[in-house]
Amino acid sequence: MAFDGFPGGDPRGPVCPRCWRPVGEDEPFTIMHHPDDPDGQRGQSGQRWHADCARPFWEDKFSTVLAALERAVRGR
C-alpha cells in the first residue's frame, strides 16, 4: 500500500477491514465486535467499518435474534 511507510498507518484515517478504504469522520460507521476475534488481534473487532460494509454482518445477527424472539413469542 502507498502508506505502508507512514508511522501509524494511513494518514487519511482508519481503514475499513472489509473494503480497505479510509473511514472518514463524516461517514456513517459501525464499530464491530466479532465473537471469533474478541481481542481484535485479527483486525476485525474494535475497528471502524463503513456502515454499508458492516450491514451484511448486522443483518445476519438481527435475523437470528428476531427468529429466536418470534419462536419465544409463539411458544407462549
C-alpha atoms as a PDB file:
ATOM      1  CA  MET A   1       0.000   0.000   0.000  1.00  0.00           C
ATOM      2  CA  ALA A   2       1.093   3.561  -0.578  1.00  0.00           C
ATOM      3  CA  PHE A   3       1.141   4.433   3.143  1.00  0.00           C
ATOM      4  CA  ASP A   4       2.943   1.352   4.485  1.00  0.00           C
ATOM      5  CA  GLY A   5       5.922   3.515   5.445  1.00  0.00           C
ATOM      6  CA  PHE A   6       3.792   6.145   7.196  1.00  0.00           C
ATOM      7  CA  PRO A   7       4.050   5.824  11.008  1.00  0.00           C
ATOM      8  CA  GLY A   8       0.649   4.958  12.452  1.00  0.00           C
ATOM      9  CA  GLY A   9      -0.929   3.812   9.192  1.00  0.00           C
ATOM     10  CA  ASP A  10      -2.956   5.700   6.630  1.00  0.00           C
ATOM     11  CA  PRO A  11      -2.889   9.474   7.317  1.00  0.00           C
ATOM     12  CA  ARG A  12      -6.446   9.801   5.936  1.00  0.00           C
ATOM     13  CA  GLY A  13      -7.815   7.878   8.940  1.00  0.00           C
ATOM     14  CA  PRO A  14      -8.655   4.332   9.976  1.00  0.00           C
ATOM     15  CA  VAL A  15      -9.376   1.896   7.160  1.00  0.00           C
ATOM     16  CA  CYS A  16     -12.409  -0.361   6.913  1.00  0.00           C
ATOM     17  CA  PRO A  17     -11.401  -4.040   7.362  1.00  0.00           C
ATOM     18  CA  ARG A  18     -13.789  -5.115   4.606  1.00  0.00           C
ATOM     19  CA  CYS A  19     -13.087  -2.696   1.712  1.00  0.00           C
ATOM     20  CA  TRP A  20      -9.748  -1.241   2.901  1.00  0.00           C
ATOM     21  CA  ARG A  21     -10.845   2.336   2.180  1.00  0.00           C
ATOM     22  CA  PRO A  22     -10.420   5.036   4.856  1.00  0.00           C
ATOM     23  CA  VAL A  23     -13.448   5.665   7.075  1.00  0.00           C
ATOM     24  CA  GLY A  24     -13.919   9.425   7.270  1.00  0.00           C
ATOM     25  CA  GLU A  25     -15.221  11.238  10.325  1.00  0.00           C
ATOM     26  CA  ASP A  26     -18.212  12.478   8.307  1.00  0.00           C
ATOM     27  CA  GLU A  27     -19.174   9.000   7.030  1.00  0.00           C
ATOM     28  CA  PRO A  28     -21.594   6.662   8.826  1.00  0.00           C
ATOM     29  CA  PHE A  29     -19.642   3.876  10.510  1.00  0.00           C
ATOM     30  CA  THR A  30     -20.071   0.965  12.891  1.00  0.00           C
ATOM     31  CA  ILE A  31     -17.568  -0.403  15.382  1.00  0.00           C
ATOM     32  CA  MET A  32     -17.872  -4.152  15.013  1.00  0.00           C
ATOM     33  CA  HIS A  33     -17.169  -6.836  17.623  1.00  0.00           C
ATOM     34  CA  HIS A  34     -16.871 -10.386  16.300  1.00  0.00           C
ATOM     35  CA  PRO A  35     -17.053 -13.411  18.626  1.00  0.00           C
ATOM     36  CA  ASP A  36     -14.231 -15.152  16.743  1.00  0.00           C
ATOM     37  CA  ASP A  37     -11.942 -12.110  17.293  1.00  0.00           C
ATOM     38  CA  PRO A  38     -12.823 -10.874  20.799  1.00  0.00           C
ATOM     39  CA  ASP A  39      -9.492  -9.114  21.457  1.00  0.00           C
ATOM     40  CA  GLY A  40      -9.107  -7.633  17.970  1.00  0.00           C
ATOM     41  CA  GLN A  41      -5.892  -9.498  17.175  1.00  0.00           C
ATOM     42  CA  ARG A  42      -7.185 -10.464  13.715  1.00  0.00           C
ATOM     43  CA  GLY A  43      -8.087  -6.847  12.943  1.00  0.00           C
ATOM     44  CA  GLN A  44     -11.867  -7.355  12.866  1.00  0.00           C
ATOM     45  CA  SER A  45     -13.171  -6.381  16.311  1.00  0.00           C
ATOM     46  CA  GLY A  46     -12.954  -2.838  17.598  1.00  0.00           C
ATOM     47  CA  GLN A  47     -12.355  -1.378  14.144  1.00  0.00           C
ATOM     48  CA  ARG A  48     -14.446   1.218  12.328  1.00  0.00           C
ATOM     49  CA  TRP A  49     -16.375  -0.309   9.431  1.00  0.00           C
ATOM     50  CA  HIS A  50     -18.307   1.638   6.818  1.00  0.00           C
ATOM     51  CA  ALA A  51     -21.999   1.257   7.604  1.00  0.00           C
ATOM     52  CA  ASP A  52     -22.624  -0.426   4.242  1.00  0.00           C
ATOM     53  CA  CYS A  53     -19.679  -2.818   4.723  1.00  0.00           C
ATOM     54  CA  ALA A  54     -20.978  -3.852   8.169  1.00  0.00           C
ATOM     55  CA  ARG A  55     -24.593  -4.293   7.037  1.00  0.00           C
ATOM     56  CA  PRO A  56     -24.333  -7.990   5.974  1.00  0.00           C
ATOM     57  CA  PHE A  57     -22.959  -8.922   9.410  1.00  0.00           C
ATOM     58  CA  TRP A  58     -25.682  -6.977  11.223  1.00  0.00           C
ATOM     59  CA  GLU A  59     -28.452  -8.393   9.047  1.00  0.00           C
ATOM     60  CA  ASP A  60     -27.280 -11.943   9.828  1.00  0.00           C
ATOM     61  CA  LYS A  61     -27.213 -11.225  13.566  1.00  0.00           C
ATOM     62  CA  PHE A  62     -30.559  -9.423  13.611  1.00  0.00           C
ATOM     63  CA  SER A  63     -32.318 -12.091  11.580  1.00  0.00           C
ATOM     64  CA  THR A  64     -31.088 -14.741  14.031  1.00  0.00           C
ATOM     65  CA  VAL A  65     -32.207 -12.715  17.056  1.00  0.00           C
ATOM     66  CA  LEU A  66     -35.579 -11.864  15.511  1.00  0.00           C
ATOM     67  CA  ALA A  67     -36.199 -15.525  14.642  1.00  0.00           C
ATOM     68  CA  ALA A  68     -35.432 -16.534  18.244  1.00  0.00           C
ATOM     69  CA  LEU A  69     -37.772 -13.840  19.587  1.00  0.00           C
ATOM     70  CA  GLU A  70     -40.519 -14.952  17.230  1.00  0.00           C
ATOM     71  CA  ARG A  71     -40.162 -18.559  18.432  1.00  0.00           C
ATOM     72  CA  ALA A  72     -40.264 -17.384  22.055  1.00  0.00           C
ATOM     73  CA  VAL A  73     -43.424 -15.334  21.496  1.00  0.00           C
ATOM     74  CA  ARG A  74     -45.180 -18.157  19.665  1.00  0.00           C
ATOM     75  CA  GLY A  75     -44.269 -20.583  22.447  1.00  0.00           C
ATOM     76  CA  ARG A  76     -46.351 -18.645  24.990  1.00  0.00           C
END
